[in-house]
Amino acid sequence: MDKLLIRGGRQLHGEVRISGAKNAALPELCAALLTAQPVTLRNVPRLQDVQTMLKLIRNMGVSAERDEDGTVRVDAGGLSSPEAPYELVKTMRASVLALGPLLARFGEATVSLPGGCAIGSRPVDQHIKGLQAMGAEIAVEHGYMIAKLPKGRSRLRGTRITTDMVTVTGTENFLMAAALAEGETVLENAAQEPEIPDLAEMLIRMGAKIEGHGTSRIRIQGVDALHGCDHAVVADRIEAGTFLCAVAATGGKVFLRHGRADHLDAVIEKLREAGASITAAQDGIHVESSGRLRAQSFRTTEYPGFPTDMQAQFMALNVVAEGASKVTETIFENRFMHVNEMVRLGARIQTDGKVAVIEGVDKLSGATVMATDLRASASLVIAGLVAEGETLVDRIYHLDRGYDQMESKLRGIGADIERIK
């Protein structure tokens, strides 16, 4: 199992390229299942979750070819098996995104209940309720969602869907299913994360009729068929945010090529209050930091609020900042698993349910730590970059699920970091 060895204490300088977003690439690969014509996706990140999704759709009989430059060509014209088996999806919750497209195009789908990081429950009941409202018959048997259209129906039907909670993957599933449904679908309480309008823009390029994407109310007019398209995946705001926190914590000056400042307002506001200098540019973000930062309290919430996927990385900055801070996690109930590992490095953190109270320390000391989930992995890398001496981060397969060549990018801007096989 691979590990990362980090020798901390170095400032970061130079330029790093931000890759395409994992949370946009995965639903967009599923959206390619909606048409029998070829689809070209550009700027697709090299991630373990993307590899898993490509393996999954190939298993259905879909042709999926990947170039070295991040271009993926998908042809679902020969799709023969609308099924997502457990063996292929047990490590990735995004597998549920195959349900809507398969059901919309083929009238049936068998999809395993998904896996993923152990950071709390991710109920699929919202997906099931929404697709049932569109006329699907769905049963959960032996760990699988088995969906089909009633006898005599060839298409899902448009309807109004109001979810009990804001759900990103639910919004994406309904968006894809509604594109081929009969009549109009209105999504109320829709998620607004930037990956959703990016998926909608791809579907519009395929011939879908969508309005309101990027707001809490999305309106979709179903069409008879979709065609192929060429689409570039939006830049990964969480990767950009992770590098912003890394530079702010270590000090230095870095340009994040392709980073989108307009997708990170809540994070950037907190970083500026902490003392970092951040400037939006035409094709990226400039970040500069020197001296000790000021601790910042924050509360995670749905977009455009502070993202839960940035909570751990910002905490790595807070543990060495001046003063005390309080972090409140409202999205997932089990997302403080990085805390005990940071304490091993010398951090002072107390947790009580959804709240972590952090007392900033002057320095961290290198130690062996273990990654427990994707964003926890990134936070431990940042802490290791700050800590004195050597830090060994174990179980970094989590990191490879969501970060495209992270250690290579960090080395390129001056970090002393290496992967140990």
Protein backbone atom coordinates (compact mmCIF):
# COMPACT_ATOMS: atom_id res chain seq x y z
CA MET A 1 0.00 0.00 0.00
CA ASP A 2 1.45 3.36 -1.07
CA LYS A 3 2.48 6.03 1.44
CA LEU A 4 3.56 9.67 1.16
CA LEU A 5 6.76 10.80 2.87
CA ILE A 6 6.78 14.56 3.51
CA ARG A 7 9.67 16.64 4.87
CA GLY A 8 7.95 19.77 6.08
CA GLY A 9 8.94 23.38 6.54
CA ARG A 10 9.24 24.50 2.91
CA GLN A 11 7.39 27.40 1.33
CA LEU A 12 5.60 26.82 -1.98
CA HIS A 13 6.38 28.89 -5.09
CA GLY A 14 5.50 28.67 -8.77
CA GLU A 15 2.50 27.52 -10.79
CA VAL A 16 0.22 24.49 -10.49
CA ARG A 17 -2.42 23.37 -13.00
CA ILE A 18 -5.86 22.60 -11.56
CA SER A 19 -7.41 19.47 -13.08
CA GLY A 20 -11.00 18.80 -14.12
CA ALA A 21 -13.48 18.22 -11.31
CA LYS A 22 -14.06 14.67 -10.13
CA ASN A 23 -17.61 15.57 -9.12
CA ALA A 24 -18.35 16.83 -12.64
CA ALA A 25 -16.50 14.14 -14.62
CA LEU A 26 -18.34 11.23 -12.93
CA PRO A 27 -21.93 12.36 -13.69
CA GLU A 28 -20.85 13.49 -17.18
CA LEU A 29 -19.49 10.02 -17.96
CA CYS A 30 -22.92 8.70 -16.93
CA ALA A 31 -24.63 11.33 -19.08
CA ALA A 32 -22.86 9.82 -22.10
CA LEU A 33 -25.07 6.74 -21.56
CA LEU A 34 -28.11 8.83 -22.61
CA THR A 35 -27.20 8.70 -26.32
CA ALA A 36 -26.14 6.13 -28.88
CA GLN A 37 -23.84 8.72 -30.49
CA PRO A 38 -20.19 9.31 -29.49
CA VAL A 39 -19.44 11.81 -26.71
CA THR A 40 -16.04 13.49 -26.18
CA LEU A 41 -15.11 14.74 -22.71
CA ARG A 42 -12.01 16.88 -22.26
CA ASN A 43 -10.06 17.81 -19.12
CA VAL A 44 -11.03 14.52 -17.41
CA PRO A 45 -8.83 14.04 -14.30
CA ARG A 46 -6.66 10.95 -13.82
CA LEU A 47 -8.29 9.58 -10.68
CA GLN A 48 -9.10 6.19 -9.27
CA ASP A 49 -12.84 7.01 -9.17
CA VAL A 50 -12.74 7.95 -12.88
CA GLN A 51 -10.98 4.67 -13.67
CA THR A 52 -13.67 2.82 -11.72
CA MET A 53 -16.45 4.62 -13.62
CA LEU A 54 -14.79 3.84 -16.99
CA LYS A 55 -14.50 0.20 -15.97
CA LEU A 56 -18.15 0.21 -14.94
CA ILE A 57 -19.49 1.58 -18.25
CA ARG A 58 -17.17 -0.69 -20.26
CA ASN A 59 -18.68 -3.61 -18.36
CA MET A 60 -22.07 -2.53 -19.77
CA GLY A 61 -20.75 -2.89 -23.32
CA VAL A 62 -19.82 0.77 -23.78
CA SER A 63 -16.67 1.80 -25.67
CA ALA A 64 -14.57 4.23 -23.60
CA GLU A 65 -11.10 5.31 -24.72
CA ARG A 66 -8.80 7.64 -22.82
CA ASP A 67 -5.93 9.74 -24.20
CA GLU A 68 -2.90 10.95 -22.24
CA ASP A 69 -4.10 14.55 -22.50
CA GLY A 70 -7.24 13.86 -20.43
CA THR A 71 -9.62 13.37 -23.37
CA VAL A 72 -12.14 10.52 -23.01
CA ARG A 73 -14.28 9.29 -25.90
CA VAL A 74 -17.41 7.37 -24.96
CA ASP A 75 -19.67 5.50 -27.37
CA ALA A 76 -22.71 3.92 -25.71
CA GLY A 77 -24.24 2.81 -29.01
CA GLY A 78 -23.46 -0.81 -28.18
CA LEU A 79 -24.61 -0.74 -24.54
CA SER A 80 -25.93 -4.25 -23.87
CA SER A 81 -26.18 -4.64 -20.08
CA PRO A 82 -27.83 -1.82 -18.08
CA GLU A 83 -26.37 -3.06 -14.80
CA ALA A 84 -23.86 -1.69 -12.27
CA PRO A 85 -22.64 -4.66 -10.18
CA TYR A 86 -21.42 -4.37 -6.59
CA GLU A 87 -17.91 -5.56 -7.45
CA LEU A 88 -17.37 -2.47 -9.59
CA VAL A 89 -19.07 0.16 -7.44
CA LYS A 90 -18.30 -0.85 -3.86
CA THR A 91 -15.61 1.86 -3.50
CA MET A 92 -17.55 4.69 -5.17
CA ARG A 93 -20.87 6.28 -4.22
CA ALA A 94 -21.16 8.01 -7.63
CA SER A 95 -22.28 4.69 -9.12
CA VAL A 96 -25.87 5.68 -8.25
CA LEU A 97 -25.59 8.25 -11.07
CA ALA A 98 -25.98 5.45 -13.62
CA LEU A 99 -29.56 4.81 -12.43
CA GLY A 100 -31.28 7.82 -14.04
CA PRO A 101 -29.62 7.65 -17.49
CA LEU A 102 -30.07 3.87 -17.86
CA LEU A 103 -33.71 4.05 -16.82
CA ALA A 104 -34.41 7.02 -19.11
CA ARG A 105 -32.82 5.48 -22.21
CA PHE A 106 -33.52 1.75 -21.77
CA GLY A 107 -36.52 1.65 -19.46
CA GLU A 108 -34.67 -0.53 -16.96
CA ALA A 109 -31.62 -0.51 -14.71
CA THR A 110 -30.05 -2.65 -11.99
CA VAL A 111 -27.62 -0.67 -9.83
CA SER A 112 -25.87 -1.78 -6.66
CA LEU A 113 -26.29 0.34 -3.55
CA PRO A 114 -23.13 2.46 -3.55
CA GLY A 115 -20.02 2.53 -1.36
CA GLY A 116 -17.43 5.31 -0.92
CA CYS A 117 -15.76 7.09 2.00
CA ALA A 118 -16.84 6.19 5.53
CA ILE A 119 -17.88 9.76 6.41
CA GLY A 120 -21.54 9.21 7.16
CA SER A 121 -24.79 8.00 5.67
CA ARG A 122 -25.67 8.99 2.11
CA PRO A 123 -29.28 7.86 1.67
CA VAL A 124 -30.37 6.90 -1.84
CA ASP A 125 -34.04 7.13 -0.86
CA GLN A 126 -34.23 10.63 -2.40
CA HIS A 127 -33.12 9.19 -5.75
CA ILE A 128 -35.68 6.39 -5.53
CA LYS A 129 -38.57 8.70 -4.54
CA GLY A 130 -37.81 11.14 -7.34
CA LEU A 131 -37.60 8.49 -10.05
CA GLN A 132 -40.74 6.83 -8.72
CA ALA A 133 -42.50 10.19 -9.07
CA MET A 134 -41.44 10.08 -12.74
CA GLY A 135 -43.24 6.75 -13.12
CA ALA A 136 -40.49 4.21 -12.44
CA GLU A 137 -41.09 1.03 -10.46
CA ILE A 138 -38.12 0.51 -8.13
CA ALA A 139 -37.45 -2.30 -5.67
CA VAL A 140 -34.42 -2.74 -3.41
CA GLU A 141 -33.45 -6.41 -3.26
CA HIS A 142 -30.23 -8.14 -2.16
CA GLY A 143 -28.30 -4.84 -2.11
CA TYR A 144 -29.47 -3.72 -5.55
CA MET A 145 -31.87 -1.06 -6.84
CA ILE A 146 -33.92 -2.76 -9.56
CA ALA A 147 -35.76 -0.19 -11.65
CA LYS A 148 -38.06 -0.50 -14.65
CA LEU A 149 -40.91 1.28 -16.42
CA PRO A 150 -44.46 -0.04 -16.02
CA LYS A 151 -45.87 -2.20 -18.80
CA GLY A 152 -47.08 -0.13 -21.70
CA ARG A 153 -44.78 2.84 -20.96
CA SER A 154 -41.68 3.55 -23.04
CA ARG A 155 -40.54 6.75 -21.28
CA LEU A 156 -40.38 8.33 -17.87
CA ARG A 157 -42.88 11.15 -17.42
CA GLY A 158 -42.19 14.71 -16.37
CA THR A 159 -43.26 15.80 -12.91
CA ARG A 160 -42.44 18.19 -10.06
CA ILE A 161 -39.79 16.81 -7.68
CA THR A 162 -39.18 18.40 -4.29
CA THR A 163 -36.52 16.57 -2.28
CA ASP A 164 -36.56 16.47 1.54
CA MET A 165 -32.93 17.60 1.55
CA VAL A 166 -30.52 19.25 -0.88
CA THR A 167 -28.84 16.37 -2.72
CA VAL A 168 -26.15 16.89 -5.36
CA THR A 169 -26.21 13.39 -6.87
CA GLY A 170 -30.02 13.36 -6.62
CA THR A 171 -30.27 16.61 -8.59
CA GLU A 172 -27.85 15.19 -11.19
CA ASN A 173 -29.79 11.91 -11.51
CA PHE A 174 -33.12 13.73 -11.98
CA LEU A 175 -31.54 16.18 -14.45
CA MET A 176 -30.28 13.32 -16.65
CA ALA A 177 -33.47 11.26 -16.38
CA ALA A 178 -35.72 14.27 -17.11
CA ALA A 179 -33.79 15.13 -20.29
CA LEU A 180 -35.41 12.11 -22.00
CA ALA A 181 -38.70 12.10 -20.07
CA GLU A 182 -42.08 12.87 -21.58
CA GLY A 183 -43.17 16.44 -20.80
CA GLU A 184 -41.83 18.93 -18.28
CA THR A 185 -39.94 18.20 -15.05
CA VAL A 186 -39.39 20.86 -12.38
CA LEU A 187 -36.74 20.25 -9.71
CA GLU A 188 -37.39 22.20 -6.51
CA ASN A 189 -34.75 22.47 -3.74
CA ALA A 190 -32.11 21.58 -6.37
CA ALA A 191 -28.43 21.61 -5.46
CA GLN A 192 -26.49 24.61 -6.84
CA GLU A 193 -22.88 23.35 -6.81
CA PRO A 194 -20.92 24.44 -9.94
CA GLU A 195 -20.72 20.84 -11.13
CA ILE A 196 -24.50 20.86 -11.70
CA PRO A 197 -24.64 23.74 -14.22
CA ASP A 198 -21.60 22.14 -15.88
CA LEU A 199 -23.56 18.87 -16.31
CA ALA A 200 -26.59 20.87 -17.54
CA GLU A 201 -24.44 22.67 -20.13
CA MET A 202 -23.20 19.30 -21.39
CA LEU A 203 -26.78 18.00 -21.66
CA ILE A 204 -27.81 21.18 -23.51
CA ARG A 205 -24.97 20.52 -25.98
CA MET A 206 -26.52 17.05 -26.43
CA GLY A 207 -29.89 18.62 -27.30
CA ALA A 208 -31.57 18.83 -23.87
CA LYS A 209 -33.84 21.76 -22.97
CA ILE A 210 -32.91 23.02 -19.49
CA GLU A 211 -33.44 26.34 -17.69
CA GLY A 212 -32.52 27.54 -14.20
CA HIS A 213 -29.46 25.36 -13.64
CA GLY A 214 -27.29 26.91 -10.95
CA THR A 215 -30.40 27.94 -8.99
CA SER A 216 -32.62 26.00 -6.58
CA ARG A 217 -35.33 25.59 -9.26
CA ILE A 218 -34.47 23.79 -12.51
CA ARG A 219 -36.95 23.31 -15.35
CA ILE A 220 -36.40 20.56 -17.96
CA GLN A 221 -38.46 19.95 -21.11
CA GLY A 222 -37.98 16.33 -22.15
CA VAL A 223 -36.89 15.51 -25.70
CA ASP A 224 -37.26 12.33 -27.76
CA ALA A 225 -33.53 11.70 -28.14
CA LEU A 226 -30.12 13.22 -27.35
CA HIS A 227 -27.07 13.33 -29.63
CA GLY A 228 -23.31 13.31 -29.09
CA CYS A 229 -21.29 16.33 -28.01
CA ASP A 230 -17.83 17.69 -27.18
CA HIS A 231 -17.54 19.07 -23.64
CA ALA A 232 -14.71 20.20 -21.35
CA VAL A 233 -15.06 19.29 -17.65
CA VAL A 234 -15.09 22.32 -15.31
CA ALA A 235 -12.01 22.89 -13.10
CA ASP A 236 -12.02 21.18 -9.70
CA ARG A 237 -12.88 23.82 -7.08
CA ILE A 238 -11.97 21.46 -4.20
CA GLU A 239 -8.51 20.75 -5.64
CA ALA A 240 -8.04 24.52 -6.07
CA GLY A 241 -9.23 25.14 -2.52
CA THR A 242 -6.85 22.48 -1.20
CA PHE A 243 -3.86 24.17 -2.87
CA LEU A 244 -5.03 27.58 -1.59
CA CYS A 245 -4.99 26.19 1.97
CA ALA A 246 -1.61 24.52 1.43
CA VAL A 247 0.05 27.75 0.26
CA ALA A 248 -1.67 29.81 2.97
CA ALA A 249 -0.45 27.40 5.67
CA THR A 250 3.15 26.96 4.46
CA GLY A 251 3.71 30.45 3.08
CA GLY A 252 4.83 31.26 -0.44
CA LYS A 253 3.40 32.51 -3.72
CA VAL A 254 1.64 30.29 -6.26
CA PHE A 255 -0.56 30.72 -9.35
CA LEU A 256 -3.35 28.14 -9.70
CA ARG A 257 -3.78 27.80 -13.47
CA HIS A 258 -7.46 27.19 -14.44
CA GLY A 259 -8.64 27.72 -10.83
CA ARG A 260 -12.07 29.37 -10.58
CA ALA A 261 -12.23 31.98 -7.80
CA ASP A 262 -15.96 32.48 -8.44
CA HIS A 263 -16.56 28.88 -7.33
CA LEU A 264 -14.75 29.36 -4.00
CA ASP A 265 -16.18 32.58 -2.56
CA ALA A 266 -16.77 31.23 0.96
CA VAL A 267 -13.32 29.64 1.24
CA ILE A 268 -11.49 32.63 -0.23
CA GLU A 269 -13.30 35.03 2.12
CA LYS A 270 -12.08 33.01 5.14
CA LEU A 271 -8.53 32.77 3.78
CA ARG A 272 -8.41 36.53 3.29
CA GLU A 273 -9.70 37.09 6.83
CA ALA A 274 -6.93 34.74 8.00
CA GLY A 275 -4.33 36.97 6.33
CA ALA A 276 -3.63 35.35 2.96
CA SER A 277 -3.61 37.45 -0.23
CA ILE A 278 -5.80 35.97 -2.98
CA THR A 279 -6.45 37.56 -6.37
CA ALA A 280 -8.62 36.26 -9.19
CA ALA A 281 -7.00 36.33 -12.64
CA GLN A 282 -8.33 35.69 -16.16
CA ASP A 283 -7.33 32.00 -16.13
CA GLY A 284 -6.62 31.21 -12.51
CA ILE A 285 -6.03 32.38 -8.95
CA HIS A 286 -2.97 34.04 -7.38
CA VAL A 287 -2.34 33.16 -3.72
CA GLU A 288 0.38 34.58 -1.48
CA SER A 289 1.02 34.12 2.22
CA SER A 290 3.70 35.08 4.72
CA GLY A 291 3.85 35.01 8.49
CA ARG A 292 1.45 33.31 10.86
CA LEU A 293 -2.22 33.39 9.91
CA ARG A 294 -5.20 34.22 12.15
CA ALA A 295 -7.51 31.34 13.12
CA GLN A 296 -10.99 31.41 11.52
CA SER A 297 -14.23 29.82 12.72
CA PHE A 298 -16.65 28.52 10.08
CA ARG A 299 -19.67 26.31 9.53
CA THR A 300 -20.07 23.94 6.58
CA THR A 301 -23.26 24.16 4.54
CA GLU A 302 -24.58 23.60 1.02
CA TYR A 303 -23.20 25.67 -1.87
CA PRO A 304 -22.63 28.61 -2.01
CA GLY A 305 -21.72 28.23 1.68
CA PHE A 306 -18.48 26.79 3.04
CA PRO A 307 -18.09 23.32 1.48
CA THR A 308 -17.86 20.23 3.67
CA ASP A 309 -15.20 18.98 1.23
CA MET A 310 -12.91 21.84 2.39
CA GLN A 311 -13.48 21.50 6.14
CA ALA A 312 -10.51 19.21 6.87
CA GLN A 313 -8.05 21.20 4.73
CA PHE A 314 -8.96 24.50 6.39
CA MET A 315 -8.65 22.84 9.79
CA ALA A 316 -5.02 21.95 8.89
CA LEU A 317 -4.44 25.69 8.48
CA ASN A 318 -6.27 26.56 11.72
CA VAL A 319 -4.19 24.21 13.90
CA VAL A 320 -1.06 26.35 13.33
CA ALA A 321 -2.85 29.72 13.14
CA GLU A 322 -2.85 32.32 15.88
CA GLY A 323 -5.79 32.07 18.27
CA ALA A 324 -8.70 29.69 18.79
CA SER A 325 -11.36 28.67 16.28
CA LYS A 326 -14.55 26.63 16.13
CA VAL A 327 -15.47 24.42 13.18
CA THR A 328 -19.07 23.19 12.86
CA GLU A 329 -19.78 20.33 10.44
CA THR A 330 -23.45 20.23 9.38
CA ILE A 331 -23.38 17.97 6.30
CA PHE A 332 -21.89 14.64 7.42
CA GLU A 333 -22.03 13.22 10.93
CA ASN A 334 -18.69 11.41 10.84
CA ARG A 335 -16.31 13.89 9.25
CA PHE A 336 -13.83 14.60 12.05
CA MET A 337 -11.82 11.39 11.64
CA HIS A 338 -8.73 13.41 10.69
CA VAL A 339 -8.71 15.09 14.11
CA ASN A 340 -7.00 12.25 16.01
CA GLU A 341 -4.30 12.05 13.33
CA MET A 342 -3.66 15.82 13.50
CA VAL A 343 -3.36 15.51 17.28
CA ARG A 344 -0.54 12.99 16.66
CA LEU A 345 1.29 15.81 14.87
CA GLY A 346 0.86 18.11 17.87
CA ALA A 347 -2.45 19.84 17.11
CA ARG A 348 -4.76 20.83 19.97
CA ILE A 349 -8.32 19.94 19.00
CA GLN A 350 -11.37 18.99 21.07
CA THR A 351 -14.50 17.60 19.42
CA ASP A 352 -18.05 17.42 20.70
CA GLY A 353 -20.51 15.99 18.20
CA LYS A 354 -20.61 18.29 15.18
CA VAL A 355 -18.23 20.88 16.67
CA ALA A 356 -14.43 20.95 16.81
CA VAL A 357 -12.65 23.57 18.93
CA ILE A 358 -9.06 24.26 17.86
CA GLU A 359 -6.36 26.06 19.81
CA GLY A 360 -3.60 27.14 17.45
CA VAL A 361 -0.05 25.95 18.21
CA ASP A 362 3.31 27.44 17.15
CA LYS A 363 4.40 24.33 15.28
CA LEU A 364 3.60 20.73 14.39
CA SER A 365 6.04 17.81 14.61
CA GLY A 366 6.27 15.12 11.94
CA ALA A 367 4.85 11.67 12.73
CA THR A 368 3.23 8.68 11.03
CA VAL A 369 -0.47 9.31 10.37
CA MET A 370 -3.23 7.38 8.64
CA ALA A 371 -5.69 8.73 6.09
CA THR A 372 -9.32 7.77 6.74
CA ASP A 373 -11.12 9.37 3.79
CA LEU A 374 -10.46 11.48 0.72
CA ARG A 375 -10.44 15.01 2.16
CA ALA A 376 -8.87 13.85 5.46
CA SER A 377 -5.95 12.61 3.33
CA ALA A 378 -5.49 16.08 1.83
CA SER A 379 -5.63 17.73 5.26
CA LEU A 380 -2.88 15.44 6.57
CA VAL A 381 -0.70 16.27 3.55
CA ILE A 382 -1.11 19.99 4.32
CA ALA A 383 -0.30 19.37 7.99
CA GLY A 384 2.77 17.38 6.92
CA LEU A 385 3.95 20.25 4.70
CA VAL A 386 3.79 22.56 7.73
CA ALA A 387 5.22 20.16 10.35
CA GLU A 388 8.89 20.03 11.34
CA GLY A 389 10.70 16.83 10.37
CA GLU A 390 9.23 13.87 8.47
CA THR A 391 5.56 12.97 8.21
CA LEU A 392 4.48 9.63 6.74
CA VAL A 393 0.88 9.55 5.46
CA ASP A 394 -0.41 5.98 5.19
CA ARG A 395 -3.41 4.63 3.20
CA ILE A 396 -3.24 7.31 0.51
CA TYR A 397 -5.40 5.26 -1.86
CA HIS A 398 -8.14 7.60 -0.58
CA LEU A 399 -6.14 10.55 -1.96
CA ASP A 400 -5.79 8.89 -5.36
CA ARG A 401 -9.59 8.68 -5.60
CA GLY A 402 -9.93 12.46 -5.76
CA TYR A 403 -6.61 14.20 -6.50
CA ASP A 404 -4.84 14.06 -9.86
CA GLN A 405 -1.10 13.45 -9.19
CA MET A 406 -1.10 15.54 -6.02
CA GLU A 407 2.45 14.77 -4.92
CA SER A 408 3.85 15.58 -8.39
CA LYS A 409 2.06 18.93 -8.42
CA LEU A 410 3.31 19.74 -4.90
CA ARG A 411 6.88 18.79 -5.86
CA GLY A 412 6.57 21.14 -8.84
CA ILE A 413 6.02 24.10 -6.50
CA GLY A 414 8.77 23.24 -4.04
CA ALA A 415 7.43 20.66 -1.59
CA ASP A 416 9.71 17.86 -0.40
CA ILE A 417 7.29 14.96 -0.90
CA GLU A 418 7.64 11.47 -2.37
CA ARG A 419 5.50 8.41 -2.86
CA ILE A 420 6.74 5.23 -1.26
CA LYS A 421 5.48 2.00 -2.80
